[in-house]
Amino acid sequence: MILVVRSFSKALASFDPGIKSELITLISRHTRWLSKNFILLKEDGNLLIYKGYLNGKRVRVVVAKTKKGTYVPLEIFKKESRGGYNIRDDYYSPGPIERMEREVEGDLYETWELEY
């Protein structure tokens, strides 16, 4: 399952509509270990933080995975943007994680199903 918080959904709206389906496909492939474009950055508490590439590596996405197997997209960037230029293992995750937790507690999220 993919849990999409309101802030990520708003950011996603500024991208091409095909990015949503590409994100779902990327995460679905990762659950079956078939994706080379989804890389583990670090472990942050109970979350695994991944970076992924979409749209021919022109779009970068940061996704958290819970221990229960739920994926939560945190941020999405264009490659040429300041945040998306180079996402590395020193990626600052507390800000996006805290925002995600606030929105989940406030019931400001929707769920997407994985493709199998």
PDB file of N, CA and C in Angstrom:
ATOM      1  N   MET A   1       0.837  -1.164   0.000  1.00  0.00           N
ATOM      2  CA  MET A   1       0.000   0.000   0.000  1.00  0.00           C
ATOM      3  C   MET A   1       0.891   1.239   0.000  1.00  0.00           C
ATOM      4  N   ILE A   2       0.420   2.264  -0.681  1.00  0.00           N
ATOM      5  CA  ILE A   2       1.109   3.548  -0.716  1.00  0.00           C
ATOM      6  C   ILE A   2       0.221   4.564  -0.007  1.00  0.00           C
ATOM      7  N   LEU A   3       0.763   5.220   0.997  1.00  0.00           N
ATOM      8  CA  LEU A   3       0.032   6.229   1.747  1.00  0.00           C
ATOM      9  C   LEU A   3       0.529   7.593   1.270  1.00  0.00           C
ATOM     10  N   VAL A   4      -0.369   8.387   0.682  1.00  0.00           N
ATOM     11  CA  VAL A   4       0.013   9.669   0.105  1.00  0.00           C
ATOM     12  C   VAL A   4      -0.565  10.796   0.944  1.00  0.00           C
ATOM     13  N   VAL A   5       0.312  11.576   1.565  1.00  0.00           N
ATOM     14  CA  VAL A   5      -0.132  12.694   2.399  1.00  0.00           C
ATOM     15  C   VAL A   5      -0.455  13.897   1.519  1.00  0.00           C
ATOM     16  N   ARG A   6      -1.214  14.824   2.078  1.00  0.00           N
ATOM     17  CA  ARG A   6      -1.711  15.974   1.322  1.00  0.00           C
ATOM     18  C   ARG A   6      -0.583  16.815   0.719  1.00  0.00           C
ATOM     19  N   SER A   7       0.483  17.068   1.463  1.00  0.00           N
ATOM     20  CA  SER A   7       1.567  17.913   0.949  1.00  0.00           C
ATOM     21  C   SER A   7       2.229  17.280  -0.274  1.00  0.00           C
ATOM     22  N   PHE A   8       2.413  15.966  -0.265  1.00  0.00           N
ATOM     23  CA  PHE A   8       2.994  15.302  -1.425  1.00  0.00           C
ATOM     24  C   PHE A   8       2.021  15.342  -2.598  1.00  0.00           C
ATOM     25  N   SER A   9       0.754  15.148  -2.326  1.00  0.00           N
ATOM     26  CA  SER A   9      -0.255  15.175  -3.378  1.00  0.00           C
ATOM     27  C   SER A   9      -0.285  16.536  -4.069  1.00  0.00           C
ATOM     28  N   LYS A  10      -0.142  17.610  -3.297  1.00  0.00           N
ATOM     29  CA  LYS A  10      -0.100  18.956  -3.868  1.00  0.00           C
ATOM     30  C   LYS A  10       1.137  19.131  -4.749  1.00  0.00           C
ATOM     31  N   ALA A  11       2.277  18.665  -4.287  1.00  0.00           N
ATOM     32  CA  ALA A  11       3.505  18.774  -5.069  1.00  0.00           C
ATOM     33  C   ALA A  11       3.402  17.947  -6.353  1.00  0.00           C
ATOM     34  N   LEU A  12       2.784  16.781  -6.269  1.00  0.00           N
ATOM     35  CA  LEU A  12       2.633  15.896  -7.418  1.00  0.00           C
ATOM     36  C   LEU A  12       1.747  16.516  -8.491  1.00  0.00           C
ATOM     37  N   ALA A  13       0.813  17.375  -8.097  1.00  0.00           N
ATOM     38  CA  ALA A  13      -0.110  18.000  -9.045  1.00  0.00           C
ATOM     39  C   ALA A  13       0.610  18.907 -10.040  1.00  0.00           C
ATOM     40  N   SER A  14       1.794  19.391  -9.705  1.00  0.00           N
ATOM     41  CA  SER A  14       2.527  20.270 -10.617  1.00  0.00           C
ATOM     42  C   SER A  14       3.332  19.498 -11.665  1.00  0.00           C
ATOM     43  N   PHE A  15       3.289  18.174 -11.612  1.00  0.00           N
ATOM     44  CA  PHE A  15       4.004  17.344 -12.570  1.00  0.00           C
ATOM     45  C   PHE A  15       3.028  16.753 -13.587  1.00  0.00           C
ATOM     46  N   ASP A  16       3.583  16.153 -14.612  1.00  0.00           N
ATOM     47  CA  ASP A  16       2.812  15.480 -15.652  1.00  0.00           C
ATOM     48  C   ASP A  16       1.928  14.399 -15.017  1.00  0.00           C
ATOM     49  N   PRO A  17       0.671  14.235 -15.466  1.00  0.00           N
ATOM     50  CA  PRO A  17      -0.228  13.230 -14.867  1.00  0.00           C
ATOM     51  C   PRO A  17       0.316  11.789 -14.928  1.00  0.00           C
ATOM     52  N   GLY A  18       1.191  11.495 -15.871  1.00  0.00           N
ATOM     53  CA  GLY A  18       1.761  10.156 -15.978  1.00  0.00           C
ATOM     54  C   GLY A  18       2.740   9.818 -14.871  1.00  0.00           C
ATOM     55  N   ILE A  19       3.213  10.825 -14.140  1.00  0.00           N
ATOM     56  CA  ILE A  19       4.177  10.594 -13.059  1.00  0.00           C
ATOM     57  C   ILE A  19       3.550   9.758 -11.946  1.00  0.00           C
ATOM     58  N   LYS A  20       2.267   9.972 -11.667  1.00  0.00           N
ATOM     59  CA  LYS A  20       1.592   9.201 -10.614  1.00  0.00           C
ATOM     60  C   LYS A  20       1.629   7.718 -10.933  1.00  0.00           C
ATOM     61  N   SER A  21       1.258   7.335 -12.140  1.00  0.00           N
ATOM     62  CA  SER A  21       1.266   5.911 -12.494  1.00  0.00           C
ATOM     63  C   SER A  21       2.686   5.364 -12.545  1.00  0.00           C
ATOM     64  N   GLU A  22       3.640   6.206 -12.958  1.00  0.00           N
ATOM     65  CA  GLU A  22       5.034   5.768 -12.979  1.00  0.00           C
ATOM     66  C   GLU A  22       5.557   5.535 -11.562  1.00  0.00           C
ATOM     67  N   LEU A  23       5.133   6.374 -10.613  1.00  0.00           N
ATOM     68  CA  LEU A  23       5.519   6.195  -9.213  1.00  0.00           C
ATOM     69  C   LEU A  23       4.945   4.896  -8.655  1.00  0.00           C
ATOM     70  N   ILE A  24       3.694   4.629  -8.944  1.00  0.00           N
ATOM     71  CA  ILE A  24       3.067   3.386  -8.473  1.00  0.00           C
ATOM     72  C   ILE A  24       3.794   2.175  -9.060  1.00  0.00           C
ATOM     73  N   THR A  25       4.135   2.241 -10.338  1.00  0.00           N
ATOM     74  CA  THR A  25       4.862   1.147 -10.986  1.00  0.00           C
ATOM     75  C   THR A  25       6.242   0.967 -10.376  1.00  0.00           C
ATOM     76  N   LEU A  26       6.946   2.072 -10.106  1.00  0.00           N
ATOM     77  CA  LEU A  26       8.281   2.006  -9.510  1.00  0.00           C
ATOM     78  C   LEU A  26       8.237   1.318  -8.154  1.00  0.00           C
ATOM     79  N   ILE A  27       7.297   1.703  -7.317  1.00  0.00           N
ATOM     80  CA  ILE A  27       7.183   1.099  -5.992  1.00  0.00           C
ATOM     81  C   ILE A  27       6.742  -0.357  -6.095  1.00  0.00           C
ATOM     82  N   SER A  28       5.840  -0.660  -7.000  1.00  0.00           N
ATOM     83  CA  SER A  28       5.392  -2.046  -7.189  1.00  0.00           C
ATOM     84  C   SER A  28       6.543  -2.933  -7.614  1.00  0.00           C
ATOM     85  N   ARG A  29       7.378  -2.440  -8.500  1.00  0.00           N
ATOM     86  CA  ARG A  29       8.543  -3.226  -8.927  1.00  0.00           C
ATOM     87  C   ARG A  29       9.515  -3.427  -7.775  1.00  0.00           C
ATOM     88  N   HIS A  30       9.641  -2.421  -6.912  1.00  0.00           N
ATOM     89  CA  HIS A  30      10.552  -2.544  -5.777  1.00  0.00           C
ATOM     90  C   HIS A  30      10.091  -3.638  -4.819  1.00  0.00           C
ATOM     91  N   THR A  31       8.777  -3.763  -4.634  1.00  0.00           N
ATOM     92  CA  THR A  31       8.285  -4.802  -3.727  1.00  0.00           C
ATOM     93  C   THR A  31       8.634  -6.191  -4.247  1.00  0.00           C
ATOM     94  N   ARG A  32       8.865  -6.305  -5.556  1.00  0.00           N
ATOM     95  CA  ARG A  32       9.262  -7.593  -6.144  1.00  0.00           C
ATOM     96  C   ARG A  32      10.747  -7.617  -6.482  1.00  0.00           C
ATOM     97  N   TRP A  33      11.494  -6.601  -6.029  1.00  0.00           N
ATOM     98  CA  TRP A  33      12.949  -6.477  -6.237  1.00  0.00           C
ATOM     99  C   TRP A  33      13.316  -6.437  -7.715  1.00  0.00           C
ATOM    100  N   LEU A  34      12.527  -5.722  -8.523  1.00  0.00           N
ATOM    101  CA  LEU A  34      12.789  -5.635  -9.954  1.00  0.00           C
ATOM    102  C   LEU A  34      13.230  -4.251 -10.407  1.00  0.00           C
ATOM    103  N   SER A  35      13.405  -3.317  -9.511  1.00  0.00           N
ATOM    104  CA  SER A  35      13.704  -1.945  -9.901  1.00  0.00           C
ATOM    105  C   SER A  35      15.141  -1.561  -9.569  1.00  0.00           C
ATOM    106  N   LYS A  36      15.836  -1.042 -10.576  1.00  0.00           N
ATOM    107  CA  LYS A  36      17.183  -0.517 -10.367  1.00  0.00           C
ATOM    108  C   LYS A  36      17.147   0.979 -10.083  1.00  0.00           C
ATOM    109  N   ASN A  37      15.995   1.610 -10.267  1.00  0.00           N
ATOM    110  CA  ASN A  37      15.859   3.045 -10.081  1.00  0.00           C
ATOM    111  C   ASN A  37      15.280   3.404  -8.717  1.00  0.00           C
ATOM    112  N   PHE A  38      15.479   2.555  -7.732  1.00  0.00           N
ATOM    113  CA  PHE A  38      14.970   2.785  -6.379  1.00  0.00           C
ATOM    114  C   PHE A  38      16.088   2.376  -5.433  1.00  0.00           C
ATOM    115  N   ILE A  39      16.747   3.358  -4.820  1.00  0.00           N
ATOM    116  CA  ILE A  39      17.981   3.116  -4.092  1.00  0.00           C
ATOM    117  C   ILE A  39      17.816   3.489  -2.618  1.00  0.00           C
ATOM    118  N   LEU A  40      18.254   2.616  -1.735  1.00  0.00           N
ATOM    119  CA  LEU A  40      18.204   2.881  -0.294  1.00  0.00           C
ATOM    120  C   LEU A  40      19.220   3.964   0.054  1.00  0.00           C
ATOM    121  N   LEU A  41      18.734   5.028   0.693  1.00  0.00           N
ATOM    122  CA  LEU A  41      19.625   6.100   1.150  1.00  0.00           C
ATOM    123  C   LEU A  41      20.102   5.843   2.570  1.00  0.00           C
ATOM    124  N   LYS A  42      19.130   5.617   3.477  1.00  0.00           N
ATOM    125  CA  LYS A  42      19.499   5.435   4.882  1.00  0.00           C
ATOM    126  C   LYS A  42      18.310   4.902   5.656  1.00  0.00           C
ATOM    127  N   GLU A  43      18.583   4.537   6.895  1.00  0.00           N
ATOM    128  CA  GLU A  43      17.532   4.132   7.824  1.00  0.00           C
ATOM    129  C   GLU A  43      17.378   5.253   8.834  1.00  0.00           C
ATOM    130  N   ASP A  44      16.145   5.685   9.021  1.00  0.00           N
ATOM    131  CA  ASP A  44      15.862   6.790   9.946  1.00  0.00           C
ATOM    132  C   ASP A  44      14.800   6.315  10.928  1.00  0.00           C
ATOM    133  N   GLY A  45      15.231   5.848  12.088  1.00  0.00           N
ATOM    134  CA  GLY A  45      14.294   5.311  13.072  1.00  0.00           C
ATOM    135  C   GLY A  45      13.649   4.045  12.552  1.00  0.00           C
ATOM    136  N   ASN A  46      12.323   4.043  12.462  1.00  0.00           N
ATOM    137  CA  ASN A  46      11.593   2.879  11.965  1.00  0.00           C
ATOM    138  C   ASN A  46      11.352   2.935  10.463  1.00  0.00           C
ATOM    139  N   LEU A  47      11.933   3.909   9.793  1.00  0.00           N
ATOM    140  CA  LEU A  47      11.704   4.085   8.358  1.00  0.00           C
ATOM    141  C   LEU A  47      12.967   3.822   7.550  1.00  0.00           C
ATOM    142  N   LEU A  48      12.779   3.246   6.384  1.00  0.00           N
ATOM    143  CA  LEU A  48      13.848   3.145   5.405  1.00  0.00           C
ATOM    144  C   LEU A  48      13.588   4.248   4.382  1.00  0.00           C
ATOM    145  N   ILE A  49      14.594   5.061   4.084  1.00  0.00           N
ATOM    146  CA  ILE A  49      14.445   6.180   3.165  1.00  0.00           C
ATOM    147  C   ILE A  49      15.089   5.799   1.834  1.00  0.00           C
ATOM    148  N   TYR A  50      14.290   5.860   0.760  1.00  0.00           N
ATOM    149  CA  TYR A  50      14.751   5.528  -0.589  1.00  0.00           C
ATOM    150  C   TYR A  50      14.671   6.754  -1.480  1.00  0.00           C
ATOM    151  N   LYS A  51      15.509   6.767  -2.504  1.00  0.00           N
ATOM    152  CA  LYS A  51      15.342   7.744  -3.569  1.00  0.00           C
ATOM    153  C   LYS A  51      15.025   6.968  -4.836  1.00  0.00           C
ATOM    154  N   GLY A  52      14.211   7.570  -5.668  1.00  0.00           N
ATOM    155  CA  GLY A  52      13.816   6.928  -6.902  1.00  0.00           C
ATOM    156  C   GLY A  52      13.863   7.907  -8.057  1.00  0.00           C
ATOM    157  N   TYR A  53      13.961   7.361  -9.253  1.00  0.00           N
ATOM    158  CA  TYR A  53      14.019   8.170 -10.461  1.00  0.00           C
ATOM    159  C   TYR A  53      12.801   7.882 -11.314  1.00  0.00           C
ATOM    160  N   LEU A  54      12.190   8.954 -11.836  1.00  0.00           N
ATOM    161  CA  LEU A  54      11.027   8.840 -12.701  1.00  0.00           C
ATOM    162  C   LEU A  54      11.273   9.659 -13.962  1.00  0.00           C
ATOM    163  N   ASN A  55      10.487   9.392 -14.992  1.00  0.00           N
ATOM    164  CA  ASN A  55      10.519  10.177 -16.229  1.00  0.00           C
ATOM    165  C   ASN A  55      11.928  10.258 -16.803  1.00  0.00           C
ATOM    166  N   GLY A  56      12.551   9.113 -16.990  1.00  0.00           N
ATOM    167  CA  GLY A  56      13.895   9.083 -17.563  1.00  0.00           C
ATOM    168  C   GLY A  56      14.924   9.792 -16.710  1.00  0.00           C
ATOM    169  N   LYS A  57      14.810   9.697 -15.414  1.00  0.00           N
ATOM    170  CA  LYS A  57      15.696  10.306 -14.412  1.00  0.00           C
ATOM    171  C   LYS A  57      15.605  11.826 -14.375  1.00  0.00           C
ATOM    172  N   ARG A  58      14.551  12.403 -14.967  1.00  0.00           N
ATOM    173  CA  ARG A  58      14.362  13.851 -14.910  1.00  0.00           C
ATOM    174  C   ARG A  58      13.579  14.282 -13.667  1.00  0.00           C
ATOM    175  N   VAL A  59      12.979  13.322 -12.980  1.00  0.00           N
ATOM    176  CA  VAL A  59      12.228  13.602 -11.758  1.00  0.00           C
ATOM    177  C   VAL A  59      12.771  12.693 -10.658  1.00  0.00           C
ATOM    178  N   ARG A  60      13.021  13.270  -9.475  1.00  0.00           N
ATOM    179  CA  ARG A  60      13.537  12.513  -8.331  1.00  0.00           C
ATOM    180  C   ARG A  60      12.461  12.476  -7.257  1.00  0.00           C
ATOM    181  N   VAL A  61      12.341  11.344  -6.613  1.00  0.00           N
ATOM    182  CA  VAL A  61      11.349  11.187  -5.555  1.00  0.00           C
ATOM    183  C   VAL A  61      12.018  10.560  -4.335  1.00  0.00           C
ATOM    184  N   VAL A  62      11.611  11.001  -3.152  1.00  0.00           N
ATOM    185  CA  VAL A  62      12.095  10.432  -1.902  1.00  0.00           C
ATOM    186  C   VAL A  62      10.913   9.732  -1.246  1.00  0.00           C
ATOM    187  N   VAL A  63      11.098   8.444  -0.936  1.00  0.00           N
ATOM    188  CA  VAL A  63      10.018   7.615  -0.411  1.00  0.00           C
ATOM    189  C   VAL A  63      10.483   6.934   0.871  1.00  0.00           C
ATOM    190  N   ALA A  64       9.617   6.929   1.879  1.00  0.00           N
ATOM    191  CA  ALA A  64       9.892   6.217   3.124  1.00  0.00           C
ATOM    192  C   ALA A  64       9.112   4.902   3.106  1.00  0.00           C
ATOM    193  N   LYS A  65       9.705   3.874   3.675  1.00  0.00           N
ATOM    194  CA  LYS A  65       9.035   2.579   3.799  1.00  0.00           C
ATOM    195  C   LYS A  65       8.991   2.219   5.273  1.00  0.00           C
ATOM    196  N   THR A  66       7.804   1.916   5.768  1.00  0.00           N
ATOM    197  CA  THR A  66       7.661   1.534   7.167  1.00  0.00           C
ATOM    198  C   THR A  66       8.038   0.070   7.340  1.00  0.00           C
ATOM    199  N   LYS A  67       8.223  -0.342   8.576  1.00  0.00           N
ATOM    200  CA  LYS A  67       8.535  -1.748   8.861  1.00  0.00           C
ATOM    201  C   LYS A  67       7.389  -2.670   8.469  1.00  0.00           C
ATOM    202  N   LYS A  68       6.154  -2.129   8.412  1.00  0.00           N
ATOM    203  CA  LYS A  68       4.985  -2.924   8.011  1.00  0.00           C
ATOM    204  C   LYS A  68       4.880  -3.074   6.500  1.00  0.00           C
ATOM    205  N   GLY A  69       5.730  -2.348   5.751  1.00  0.00           N
ATOM    206  CA  GLY A  69       5.716  -2.463   4.300  1.00  0.00           C
ATOM    207  C   GLY A  69       4.906  -1.399   3.583  1.00  0.00           C
ATOM    208  N   THR A  70       4.463  -0.388   4.303  1.00  0.00           N
ATOM    209  CA  THR A  70       3.726   0.718   3.686  1.00  0.00           C
ATOM    210  C   THR A  70       4.718   1.745   3.162  1.00  0.00           C
ATOM    211  N   TYR A  71       4.507   2.182   1.935  1.00  0.00           N
ATOM    212  CA  TYR A  71       5.363   3.191   1.324  1.00  0.00           C
ATOM    213  C   TYR A  71       4.709   4.564   1.474  1.00  0.00           C
ATOM    214  N   VAL A  72       5.518   5.568   1.818  1.00  0.00           N
ATOM    215  CA  VAL A  72       5.018   6.932   1.980  1.00  0.00           C
ATOM    216  C   VAL A  72       5.933   7.875   1.194  1.00  0.00           C
ATOM    217  N   PRO A  73       5.489   8.370   0.031  1.00  0.00           N
ATOM    218  CA  PRO A  73       6.305   9.349  -0.694  1.00  0.00           C
ATOM    219  C   PRO A  73       6.416  10.636   0.111  1.00  0.00           C
ATOM    220  N   LEU A  74       7.643  11.126   0.278  1.00  0.00           N
ATOM    221  CA  LEU A  74       7.878  12.312   1.093  1.00  0.00           C
ATOM    222  C   LEU A  74       8.031  13.574   0.254  1.00  0.00           C
ATOM    223  N   GLU A  75       8.864  13.500  -0.784  1.00  0.00           N
ATOM    224  CA  GLU A  75       9.132  14.683  -1.602  1.00  0.00           C
ATOM    225  C   GLU A  75       9.362  14.283  -3.044  1.00  0.00           C
ATOM    226  N   ILE A  76       9.087  15.216  -3.946  1.00  0.00           N
ATOM    227  CA  ILE A  76       9.313  15.007  -5.371  1.00  0.00           C
ATOM    228  C   ILE A  76       9.952  16.269  -5.925  1.00  0.00           C
ATOM    229  N   PHE A  77      10.976  16.096  -6.766  1.00  0.00           N
ATOM    230  CA  PHE A  77      11.738  17.217  -7.306  1.00  0.00           C
ATOM    231  C   PHE A  77      11.993  17.015  -8.792  1.00  0.00           C
ATOM    232  N   LYS A  78      12.146  18.110  -9.510  1.00  0.00           N
ATOM    233  CA  LYS A  78      12.704  18.045 -10.853  1.00  0.00           C
ATOM    234  C   LYS A  78      14.211  17.966 -10.690  1.00  0.00           C
ATOM    235  N   LYS A  79      14.855  17.290 -11.613  1.00  0.00           N
ATOM    236  CA  LYS A  79      16.298  17.087 -11.515  1.00  0.00           C
ATOM    237  C   LYS A  79      17.046  18.411 -11.399  1.00  0.00           C
ATOM    238  N   GLU A  80      16.647  19.392 -12.176  1.00  0.00           N
ATOM    239  CA  GLU A  80      17.388  20.643 -12.197  1.00  0.00           C
ATOM    240  C   GLU A  80      17.057  21.584 -11.036  1.00  0.00           C
ATOM    241  N   SER A  81      16.122  21.185 -10.178  1.00  0.00           N
ATOM    242  CA  SER A  81      15.785  22.021  -9.022  1.00  0.00           C
ATOM    243  C   SER A  81      16.876  21.906  -7.956  1.00  0.00           C
ATOM    244  N   ARG A  82      16.849  22.835  -7.025  1.00  0.00           N
ATOM    245  CA  ARG A  82      17.864  22.852  -5.970  1.00  0.00           C
ATOM    246  C   ARG A  82      17.824  21.571  -5.130  1.00  0.00           C
ATOM    247  N   GLY A  83      16.627  21.129  -4.752  1.00  0.00           N
ATOM    248  CA  GLY A  83      16.506  19.943  -3.913  1.00  0.00           C
ATOM    249  C   GLY A  83      16.745  18.638  -4.650  1.00  0.00           C
ATOM    250  N   GLY A  84      16.453  18.603  -5.949  1.00  0.00           N
ATOM    251  CA  GLY A  84      16.550  17.353  -6.686  1.00  0.00           C
ATOM    252  C   GLY A  84      17.849  17.124  -7.400  1.00  0.00           C
ATOM    253  N   TYR A  85      18.738  18.106  -7.366  1.00  0.00           N
ATOM    254  CA  TYR A  85      19.973  17.973  -8.131  1.00  0.00           C
ATOM    255  C   TYR A  85      20.802  16.789  -7.705  1.00  0.00           C
ATOM    256  N   ASN A  86      20.966  16.609  -6.418  1.00  0.00           N
ATOM    257  CA  ASN A  86      21.811  15.521  -5.954  1.00  0.00           C
ATOM    258  C   ASN A  86      21.345  15.050  -4.576  1.00  0.00           C
ATOM    259  N   ILE A  87      20.504  14.049  -4.547  1.00  0.00           N
ATOM    260  CA  ILE A  87      20.012  13.494  -3.290  1.00  0.00           C
ATOM    261  C   ILE A  87      20.956  12.365  -2.886  1.00  0.00           C
ATOM    262  N   ARG A  88      21.583  12.517  -1.738  1.00  0.00           N
ATOM    263  CA  ARG A  88      22.561  11.529  -1.272  1.00  0.00           C
ATOM    264  C   ARG A  88      22.163  10.999   0.085  1.00  0.00           C
ATOM    265  N   ASP A  89      23.027  10.167   0.669  1.00  0.00           N
ATOM    266  CA  ASP A  89      22.733   9.573   1.972  1.00  0.00           C
ATOM    267  C   ASP A  89      22.766  10.595   3.105  1.00  0.00           C
ATOM    268  N   ASP A  90      23.218  11.819   2.838  1.00  0.00           N
ATOM    269  CA  ASP A  90      23.151  12.862   3.861  1.00  0.00           C
ATOM    270  C   ASP A  90      21.864  13.689   3.720  1.00  0.00           C
ATOM    271  N   TYR A  91      20.898  13.158   2.990  1.00  0.00           N
ATOM    272  CA  TYR A  91      19.606  13.814   2.789  1.00  0.00           C
ATOM    273  C   TYR A  91      18.983  14.127   4.146  1.00  0.00           C
ATOM    274  N   TYR A  92      18.489  15.358   4.310  1.00  0.00           N
ATOM    275  CA  TYR A  92      17.901  15.791   5.579  1.00  0.00           C
ATOM    276  C   TYR A  92      16.442  15.327   5.632  1.00  0.00           C
ATOM    277  N   SER A  93      16.163  14.297   6.385  1.00  0.00           N
ATOM    278  CA  SER A  93      14.828  13.704   6.408  1.00  0.00           C
ATOM    279  C   SER A  93      13.927  14.113   7.567  1.00  0.00           C
ATOM    280  N   PRO A  94      14.404  14.652   8.687  1.00  0.00           N
ATOM    281  CA  PRO A  94      13.481  14.951   9.791  1.00  0.00           C
ATOM    282  C   PRO A  94      12.334  15.894   9.425  1.00  0.00           C
ATOM    283  N   GLY A  95      12.577  16.917   8.626  1.00  0.00           N
ATOM    284  CA  GLY A  95      11.522  17.850   8.249  1.00  0.00           C
ATOM    285  C   GLY A  95      10.373  17.175   7.496  1.00  0.00           C
ATOM    286  N   PRO A  96      10.669  16.501   6.380  1.00  0.00           N
ATOM    287  CA  PRO A  96       9.595  15.817   5.654  1.00  0.00           C
ATOM    288  C   PRO A  96       8.914  14.708   6.463  1.00  0.00           C
ATOM    289  N   ILE A  97       9.658  14.028   7.330  1.00  0.00           N
ATOM    290  CA  ILE A  97       9.068  12.957   8.136  1.00  0.00           C
ATOM    291  C   ILE A  97       8.103  13.544   9.167  1.00  0.00           C
ATOM    292  N   GLU A  98       8.501  14.638   9.815  1.00  0.00           N
ATOM    293  CA  GLU A  98       7.611  15.282  10.787  1.00  0.00           C
ATOM    294  C   GLU A  98       6.339  15.791  10.113  1.00  0.00           C
ATOM    295  N   ARG A  99       6.468  16.382   8.913  1.00  0.00           N
ATOM    296  CA  ARG A  99       5.304  16.858   8.179  1.00  0.00           C
ATOM    297  C   ARG A  99       4.383  15.689   7.829  1.00  0.00           C
ATOM    298  N   MET A 100       4.963  14.589   7.396  1.00  0.00           N
ATOM    299  CA  MET A 100       4.185  13.393   7.061  1.00  0.00           C
ATOM    300  C   MET A 100       3.445  12.873   8.290  1.00  0.00           C
ATOM    301  N   GLU A 101       4.108  12.810   9.437  1.00  0.00           N
ATOM    302  CA  GLU A 101       3.474  12.316  10.665  1.00  0.00           C
ATOM    303  C   GLU A 101       2.325  13.216  11.106  1.00  0.00           C
ATOM    304  N   ARG A 102       2.506  14.546  10.997  1.00  0.00           N
ATOM    305  CA  ARG A 102       1.422  15.481  11.340  1.00  0.00           C
ATOM    306  C   ARG A 102       0.203  15.272  10.440  1.00  0.00           C
ATOM    307  N   GLU A 103       0.438  15.088   9.155  1.00  0.00           N
ATOM    308  CA  GLU A 103      -0.669  14.924   8.222  1.00  0.00           C
ATOM    309  C   GLU A 103      -1.372  13.578   8.406  1.00  0.00           C
ATOM    310  N   VAL A 104      -0.636  12.550   8.773  1.00  0.00           N
ATOM    311  CA  VAL A 104      -1.265  11.248   9.037  1.00  0.00           C
ATOM    312  C   VAL A 104      -2.111  11.341  10.302  1.00  0.00           C
ATOM    313  N   GLU A 105      -1.587  11.991  11.343  1.00  0.00           N
ATOM    314  CA  GLU A 105      -2.353  12.163  12.580  1.00  0.00           C
ATOM    315  C   GLU A 105      -3.612  12.995  12.348  1.00  0.00           C
ATOM    316  N   GLY A 106      -3.527  13.967  11.441  1.00  0.00           N
ATOM    317  CA  GLY A 106      -4.673  14.817  11.119  1.00  0.00           C
ATOM    318  C   GLY A 106      -5.595  14.204  10.073  1.00  0.00           C
ATOM    319  N   ASP A 107      -5.336  12.966   9.698  1.00  0.00           N
ATOM    320  CA  ASP A 107      -6.150  12.234   8.715  1.00  0.00           C
ATOM    321  C   ASP A 107      -6.176  12.956   7.362  1.00  0.00           C
ATOM    322  N   LEU A 108      -5.036  13.539   6.967  1.00  0.00           N
ATOM    323  CA  LEU A 108      -4.916  14.260   5.703  1.00  0.00           C
ATOM    324  C   LEU A 108      -4.116  13.431   4.705  1.00  0.00           C
ATOM    325  N   TYR A 109      -4.638  12.271   4.358  1.00  0.00           N
ATOM    326  CA  TYR A 109      -3.937  11.385   3.437  1.00  0.00           C
ATOM    327  C   TYR A 109      -4.941  10.543   2.651  1.00  0.00           C
ATOM    328  N   GLU A 110      -4.428   9.937   1.586  1.00  0.00           N
ATOM    329  CA  GLU A 110      -5.198   8.974   0.811  1.00  0.00           C
ATOM    330  C   GLU A 110      -4.301   7.760   0.582  1.00  0.00           C
ATOM    331  N   THR A 111      -4.878   6.657   0.196  1.00  0.00           N
ATOM    332  CA  THR A 111      -4.086   5.450  -0.061  1.00  0.00           C
ATOM    333  C   THR A 111      -4.232   5.039  -1.521  1.00  0.00           C
ATOM    334  N   TRP A 112      -3.148   4.533  -2.051  1.00  0.00           N
ATOM    335  CA  TRP A 112      -3.119   3.969  -3.405  1.00  0.00           C
ATOM    336  C   TRP A 112      -2.732   2.516  -3.267  1.00  0.00           C
ATOM    337  N   GLU A 113      -3.278   1.698  -4.104  1.00  0.00           N
ATOM    338  CA  GLU A 113      -2.938   0.272  -4.098  1.00  0.00           C
ATOM    339  C   GLU A 113      -1.779   0.015  -5.058  1.00  0.00           C
ATOM    340  N   LEU A 114      -0.948  -0.948  -4.721  1.00  0.00           N
ATOM    341  CA  LEU A 114       0.163  -1.346  -5.573  1.00  0.00           C
ATOM    342  C   LEU A 114      -0.341  -2.189  -6.739  1.00  0.00           C
ATOM    343  N   GLU A 115       0.382  -2.134  -7.852  1.00  0.00           N
ATOM    344  CA  GLU A 115       0.055  -2.970  -9.009  1.00  0.00           C
ATOM    345  C   GLU A 115       0.791  -4.293  -8.857  1.00  0.00           C
ATOM    346  N   TYR A 116       0.124  -5.357  -9.167  1.00  0.00           N
ATOM    347  CA  TYR A 116       0.792  -6.680  -9.111  1.00  0.00           C
ATOM    348  C   TYR A 116       0.682  -7.393 -10.422  1.00  0.00           C
TER     349      TYR A 116
END
